[in-house]
Amino acid sequence: MPVSADALVACLLEIERHVGRGGWDQSARLFALVPTGELLAAEPSLAGQLRLDPAQPDALSSIEQDDGELRTATGEDLLSGLATITWGPGVHGCAIVVERSFLSGDDAALPDDPAEAARLVAEHPARQDLRVIVGVTRDGARHGLGRHRASGELFSDPELVPALAAVLARTLE
């Protein structure tokens, strides 16, 4: 069954609320996305925790992976680590939550050394922190949410972080 864009966004919003309860400065977190109806059929004991809305038969539920943290065995970067992940056929989509700090254009003159650049950004008084939740489905739906740490503003865009969405989509192939 194809997943609607609304179902994906609703699932990402639930992930954002879940992760947000833990505050900031968290490691990357990875989630499998499965149809709620299929999850309830396989695990009827979850009926009290999950709600199956007949008006949304394509609703998705998220299942956090690896004790809530995305770890890469050899310390490679996040995108390289994601490139090693594959999902079974019962997983209809996946989502990742990452936090990043950045500087605006005028402050973005950083050294080429990644460790030095990360240190300078982390210590910079104009640094902005952002939590990004990106999700994709097997049928091609993509969406991203972002929360700005200072303002608390939540924003949404199907193409929020296209490179991250592309890597996530490859995990479903």
C-alpha atoms as a PDB file:
ATOM      1  CA  MET A   1       0.000   0.000   0.000  1.00  0.00           C
ATOM      2  CA  PRO A   2       1.464   3.385  -0.962  1.00  0.00           C
ATOM      3  CA  VAL A   3       2.099   5.787   1.900  1.00  0.00           C
ATOM      4  CA  SER A   4       0.681   9.289   1.607  1.00  0.00           C
ATOM      5  CA  ALA A   5       2.817  12.358   2.173  1.00  0.00           C
ATOM      6  CA  ASP A   6       0.495  13.229   5.079  1.00  0.00           C
ATOM      7  CA  ALA A   7       1.176   9.869   6.753  1.00  0.00           C
ATOM      8  CA  LEU A   8       4.930  10.401   6.460  1.00  0.00           C
ATOM      9  CA  VAL A   9       4.738  13.937   7.855  1.00  0.00           C
ATOM     10  CA  ALA A  10       2.517  12.773  10.751  1.00  0.00           C
ATOM     11  CA  CYS A  11       5.037  10.052  11.614  1.00  0.00           C
ATOM     12  CA  LEU A  12       7.958  12.507  11.459  1.00  0.00           C
ATOM     13  CA  LEU A  13       6.098  14.899  13.757  1.00  0.00           C
ATOM     14  CA  GLU A  14       5.631  12.085  16.266  1.00  0.00           C
ATOM     15  CA  ILE A  15       9.349  11.259  16.058  1.00  0.00           C
ATOM     16  CA  GLU A  16      10.184  14.936  16.602  1.00  0.00           C
ATOM     17  CA  ARG A  17       7.999  15.051  19.726  1.00  0.00           C
ATOM     18  CA  HIS A  18       9.547  11.809  21.017  1.00  0.00           C
ATOM     19  CA  VAL A  19      13.132  12.949  20.479  1.00  0.00           C
ATOM     20  CA  GLY A  20      12.382  16.470  21.698  1.00  0.00           C
ATOM     21  CA  ARG A  21      11.385  15.130  25.117  1.00  0.00           C
ATOM     22  CA  GLY A  22      15.051  14.175  25.563  1.00  0.00           C
ATOM     23  CA  GLY A  23      16.295  17.725  25.068  1.00  0.00           C
ATOM     24  CA  TRP A  24      19.234  18.758  22.925  1.00  0.00           C
ATOM     25  CA  ASP A  25      22.772  17.497  22.344  1.00  0.00           C
ATOM     26  CA  GLN A  26      21.713  13.983  21.348  1.00  0.00           C
ATOM     27  CA  SER A  27      23.402  11.501  19.051  1.00  0.00           C
ATOM     28  CA  ALA A  28      21.904  10.657  15.675  1.00  0.00           C
ATOM     29  CA  ARG A  29      18.862   8.394  15.975  1.00  0.00           C
ATOM     30  CA  LEU A  30      17.521   6.031  13.328  1.00  0.00           C
ATOM     31  CA  PHE A  31      13.945   4.756  12.956  1.00  0.00           C
ATOM     32  CA  ALA A  32      12.274   2.083  10.844  1.00  0.00           C
ATOM     33  CA  LEU A  33       8.846   3.150   9.558  1.00  0.00           C
ATOM     34  CA  VAL A  34       6.195   0.438   9.331  1.00  0.00           C
ATOM     35  CA  PRO A  35       2.478   0.550   8.549  1.00  0.00           C
ATOM     36  CA  THR A  36       0.632   0.811  11.852  1.00  0.00           C
ATOM     37  CA  GLY A  37      -1.984  -1.714  10.756  1.00  0.00           C
ATOM     38  CA  GLU A  38       0.681  -4.314   9.947  1.00  0.00           C
ATOM     39  CA  LEU A  39       2.475  -3.635  13.222  1.00  0.00           C
ATOM     40  CA  LEU A  40      -0.736  -4.122  15.204  1.00  0.00           C
ATOM     41  CA  ALA A  41      -1.519  -7.317  13.298  1.00  0.00           C
ATOM     42  CA  ALA A  42       1.940  -8.690  14.118  1.00  0.00           C
ATOM     43  CA  GLU A  43       1.995  -7.364  17.714  1.00  0.00           C
ATOM     44  CA  PRO A  44      -1.591  -7.138  19.051  1.00  0.00           C
ATOM     45  CA  SER A  45      -0.245  -6.332  22.527  1.00  0.00           C
ATOM     46  CA  LEU A  46       0.668  -2.849  21.217  1.00  0.00           C
ATOM     47  CA  ALA A  47      -2.997  -1.952  20.649  1.00  0.00           C
ATOM     48  CA  GLY A  48      -3.084   0.134  23.839  1.00  0.00           C
ATOM     49  CA  GLN A  49      -0.033   2.146  22.775  1.00  0.00           C
ATOM     50  CA  LEU A  50      -0.815   2.659  19.085  1.00  0.00           C
ATOM     51  CA  ARG A  51      -3.908   4.149  17.553  1.00  0.00           C
ATOM     52  CA  LEU A  52      -5.158   2.899  14.202  1.00  0.00           C
ATOM     53  CA  ASP A  53      -7.307   5.627  12.702  1.00  0.00           C
ATOM     54  CA  PRO A  54      -9.688   4.203  10.067  1.00  0.00           C
ATOM     55  CA  ALA A  55      -9.505   7.575   8.312  1.00  0.00           C
ATOM     56  CA  GLN A  56      -5.741   7.043   7.848  1.00  0.00           C
ATOM     57  CA  PRO A  57      -5.303   3.427   6.757  1.00  0.00           C
ATOM     58  CA  ASP A  58      -1.754   4.210   5.577  1.00  0.00           C
ATOM     59  CA  ALA A  59      -0.589   5.508   8.996  1.00  0.00           C
ATOM     60  CA  LEU A  60       3.028   4.781   9.884  1.00  0.00           C
ATOM     61  CA  SER A  61       4.600   3.908  13.213  1.00  0.00           C
ATOM     62  CA  SER A  62       8.270   4.394  14.001  1.00  0.00           C
ATOM     63  CA  ILE A  63      10.517   1.806  15.617  1.00  0.00           C
ATOM     64  CA  GLU A  64      13.752   3.193  16.980  1.00  0.00           C
ATOM     65  CA  GLN A  65      16.861   1.215  16.060  1.00  0.00           C
ATOM     66  CA  ASP A  66      20.036   0.276  17.921  1.00  0.00           C
ATOM     67  CA  ASP A  67      19.124   1.537  21.370  1.00  0.00           C
ATOM     68  CA  GLY A  68      18.354   4.956  19.924  1.00  0.00           C
ATOM     69  CA  GLU A  69      21.771   5.778  18.499  1.00  0.00           C
ATOM     70  CA  LEU A  70      23.243   5.373  15.051  1.00  0.00           C
ATOM     71  CA  ARG A  71      26.706   4.006  15.557  1.00  0.00           C
ATOM     72  CA  THR A  72      29.251   3.291  12.893  1.00  0.00           C
ATOM     73  CA  ALA A  73      31.624   0.466  13.670  1.00  0.00           C
ATOM     74  CA  THR A  74      34.746   2.117  12.282  1.00  0.00           C
ATOM     75  CA  GLY A  75      33.959   5.721  13.155  1.00  0.00           C
ATOM     76  CA  GLU A  76      33.174   6.798   9.601  1.00  0.00           C
ATOM     77  CA  ASP A  77      30.931   9.781   9.040  1.00  0.00           C
ATOM     78  CA  LEU A  78      27.141   9.591   9.228  1.00  0.00           C
ATOM     79  CA  LEU A  79      26.503   9.317   5.475  1.00  0.00           C
ATOM     80  CA  SER A  80      29.065   6.517   5.117  1.00  0.00           C
ATOM     81  CA  GLY A  81      27.503   4.699   8.067  1.00  0.00           C
ATOM     82  CA  LEU A  82      24.038   4.966   6.546  1.00  0.00           C
ATOM     83  CA  ALA A  83      25.364   3.539   3.282  1.00  0.00           C
ATOM     84  CA  THR A  84      25.936   0.210   5.078  1.00  0.00           C
ATOM     85  CA  ILE A  85      22.338  -0.161   6.291  1.00  0.00           C
ATOM     86  CA  THR A  86      19.660  -2.238   4.585  1.00  0.00           C
ATOM     87  CA  TRP A  87      16.068  -2.879   5.619  1.00  0.00           C
ATOM     88  CA  GLY A  88      13.880  -5.957   5.312  1.00  0.00           C
ATOM     89  CA  PRO A  89      10.691  -5.952   3.249  1.00  0.00           C
ATOM     90  CA  GLY A  90       8.462  -5.254   6.292  1.00  0.00           C
ATOM     91  CA  VAL A  91      10.008  -1.806   6.638  1.00  0.00           C
ATOM     92  CA  HIS A  92       8.194   0.663   4.389  1.00  0.00           C
ATOM     93  CA  GLY A  93      10.376   3.647   5.197  1.00  0.00           C
ATOM     94  CA  CYS A  94      13.007   5.043   7.522  1.00  0.00           C
ATOM     95  CA  ALA A  95      13.836   8.281   9.268  1.00  0.00           C
ATOM     96  CA  ILE A  96      16.850   9.800  10.927  1.00  0.00           C
ATOM     97  CA  VAL A  97      17.226  12.560  13.484  1.00  0.00           C
ATOM     98  CA  VAL A  98      20.461  14.552  13.565  1.00  0.00           C
ATOM     99  CA  GLU A  99      21.539  17.723  15.296  1.00  0.00           C
ATOM    100  CA  ARG A 100      23.930  20.114  13.625  1.00  0.00           C
ATOM    101  CA  SER A 101      25.449  23.489  14.389  1.00  0.00           C
ATOM    102  CA  PHE A 102      26.077  26.020  11.659  1.00  0.00           C
ATOM    103  CA  LEU A 103      27.066  29.622  11.072  1.00  0.00           C
ATOM    104  CA  SER A 104      25.386  32.168   8.827  1.00  0.00           C
ATOM    105  CA  GLY A 105      27.048  33.124   5.533  1.00  0.00           C
ATOM    106  CA  ASP A 106      29.160  35.999   6.882  1.00  0.00           C
ATOM    107  CA  ASP A 107      30.554  33.861   9.692  1.00  0.00           C
ATOM    108  CA  ALA A 108      31.120  30.757   7.558  1.00  0.00           C
ATOM    109  CA  ALA A 109      34.840  31.229   6.732  1.00  0.00           C
ATOM    110  CA  LEU A 110      36.116  28.048   8.339  1.00  0.00           C
ATOM    111  CA  PRO A 111      39.407  26.157   8.159  1.00  0.00           C
ATOM    112  CA  ASP A 112      39.673  23.159   5.827  1.00  0.00           C
ATOM    113  CA  ASP A 113      40.482  20.765   8.687  1.00  0.00           C
ATOM    114  CA  PRO A 114      37.114  19.211   9.724  1.00  0.00           C
ATOM    115  CA  ALA A 115      38.084  18.816  13.390  1.00  0.00           C
ATOM    116  CA  GLU A 116      39.257  22.418  13.658  1.00  0.00           C
ATOM    117  CA  ALA A 117      36.169  23.678  11.805  1.00  0.00           C
ATOM    118  CA  ALA A 118      33.876  21.710  14.145  1.00  0.00           C
ATOM    119  CA  ARG A 119      35.659  23.128  17.182  1.00  0.00           C
ATOM    120  CA  LEU A 120      35.361  26.699  15.902  1.00  0.00           C
ATOM    121  CA  VAL A 121      31.655  26.311  15.095  1.00  0.00           C
ATOM    122  CA  ALA A 122      30.957  24.747  18.512  1.00  0.00           C
ATOM    123  CA  GLU A 123      32.655  27.666  20.270  1.00  0.00           C
ATOM    124  CA  HIS A 124      31.344  30.474  18.058  1.00  0.00           C
ATOM    125  CA  PRO A 125      28.883  32.849  19.809  1.00  0.00           C
ATOM    126  CA  ALA A 126      26.775  33.206  16.619  1.00  0.00           C
ATOM    127  CA  ARG A 127      26.412  29.434  16.223  1.00  0.00           C
ATOM    128  CA  GLN A 128      22.919  28.198  15.419  1.00  0.00           C
ATOM    129  CA  ASP A 129      21.775  24.724  16.423  1.00  0.00           C
ATOM    130  CA  LEU A 130      19.254  22.756  14.430  1.00  0.00           C
ATOM    131  CA  ARG A 131      17.578  19.371  14.858  1.00  0.00           C
ATOM    132  CA  VAL A 132      16.637  17.777  11.536  1.00  0.00           C
ATOM    133  CA  ILE A 133      14.290  14.827  11.038  1.00  0.00           C
ATOM    134  CA  VAL A 134      14.334  13.371   7.523  1.00  0.00           C
ATOM    135  CA  GLY A 135      12.150  10.478   6.410  1.00  0.00           C
ATOM    136  CA  VAL A 136      11.686   8.526   3.197  1.00  0.00           C
ATOM    137  CA  THR A 137       9.461   5.680   2.058  1.00  0.00           C
ATOM    138  CA  ARG A 138       9.947   2.841  -0.415  1.00  0.00           C
ATOM    139  CA  ASP A 139       7.432   4.404  -2.791  1.00  0.00           C
ATOM    140  CA  GLY A 140       9.460   7.612  -3.056  1.00  0.00           C
ATOM    141  CA  ALA A 141       7.870   9.965  -0.523  1.00  0.00           C
ATOM    142  CA  ARG A 142      10.408  12.251   1.214  1.00  0.00           C
ATOM    143  CA  HIS A 143      10.031  14.884   3.849  1.00  0.00           C
ATOM    144  CA  GLY A 144      12.047  16.787   6.408  1.00  0.00           C
ATOM    145  CA  LEU A 145      11.344  18.717   9.577  1.00  0.00           C
ATOM    146  CA  GLY A 146      13.682  21.068  11.363  1.00  0.00           C
ATOM    147  CA  ARG A 147      13.616  22.655  14.789  1.00  0.00           C
ATOM    148  CA  HIS A 148      15.716  25.720  15.530  1.00  0.00           C
ATOM    149  CA  ARG A 149      17.126  25.455  19.051  1.00  0.00           C
ATOM    150  CA  ALA A 150      17.109  29.151  19.971  1.00  0.00           C
ATOM    151  CA  SER A 151      13.625  30.020  18.748  1.00  0.00           C
ATOM    152  CA  GLY A 152      11.975  26.609  19.028  1.00  0.00           C
ATOM    153  CA  GLU A 153      10.560  27.202  15.547  1.00  0.00           C
ATOM    154  CA  LEU A 154       9.539  24.040  13.690  1.00  0.00           C
ATOM    155  CA  PHE A 155       9.647  24.105   9.902  1.00  0.00           C
ATOM    156  CA  SER A 156       8.806  21.562   7.244  1.00  0.00           C
ATOM    157  CA  ASP A 157       9.868  20.932   3.647  1.00  0.00           C
ATOM    158  CA  PRO A 158       9.852  17.889   1.354  1.00  0.00           C
ATOM    159  CA  GLU A 159      13.382  18.820   0.220  1.00  0.00           C
ATOM    160  CA  LEU A 160      14.862  19.973   3.530  1.00  0.00           C
ATOM    161  CA  VAL A 161      18.098  17.949   3.301  1.00  0.00           C
ATOM    162  CA  PRO A 162      18.035  16.259  -0.116  1.00  0.00           C
ATOM    163  CA  ALA A 163      21.441  14.560   0.178  1.00  0.00           C
ATOM    164  CA  LEU A 164      20.448  12.916   3.462  1.00  0.00           C
ATOM    165  CA  ALA A 165      17.089  11.863   2.002  1.00  0.00           C
ATOM    166  CA  ALA A 166      18.879  10.322  -0.983  1.00  0.00           C
ATOM    167  CA  VAL A 167      21.178   8.276   1.251  1.00  0.00           C
ATOM    168  CA  LEU A 168      18.216   7.125   3.352  1.00  0.00           C
ATOM    169  CA  ALA A 169      16.333   6.129   0.186  1.00  0.00           C
ATOM    170  CA  ARG A 170      19.254   3.947  -0.899  1.00  0.00           C
ATOM    171  CA  THR A 171      18.968   1.979   2.378  1.00  0.00           C
ATOM    172  CA  LEU A 172      15.508   0.864   1.228  1.00  0.00           C
ATOM    173  CA  GLU A 173      16.624  -0.462  -2.184  1.00  0.00           C
END
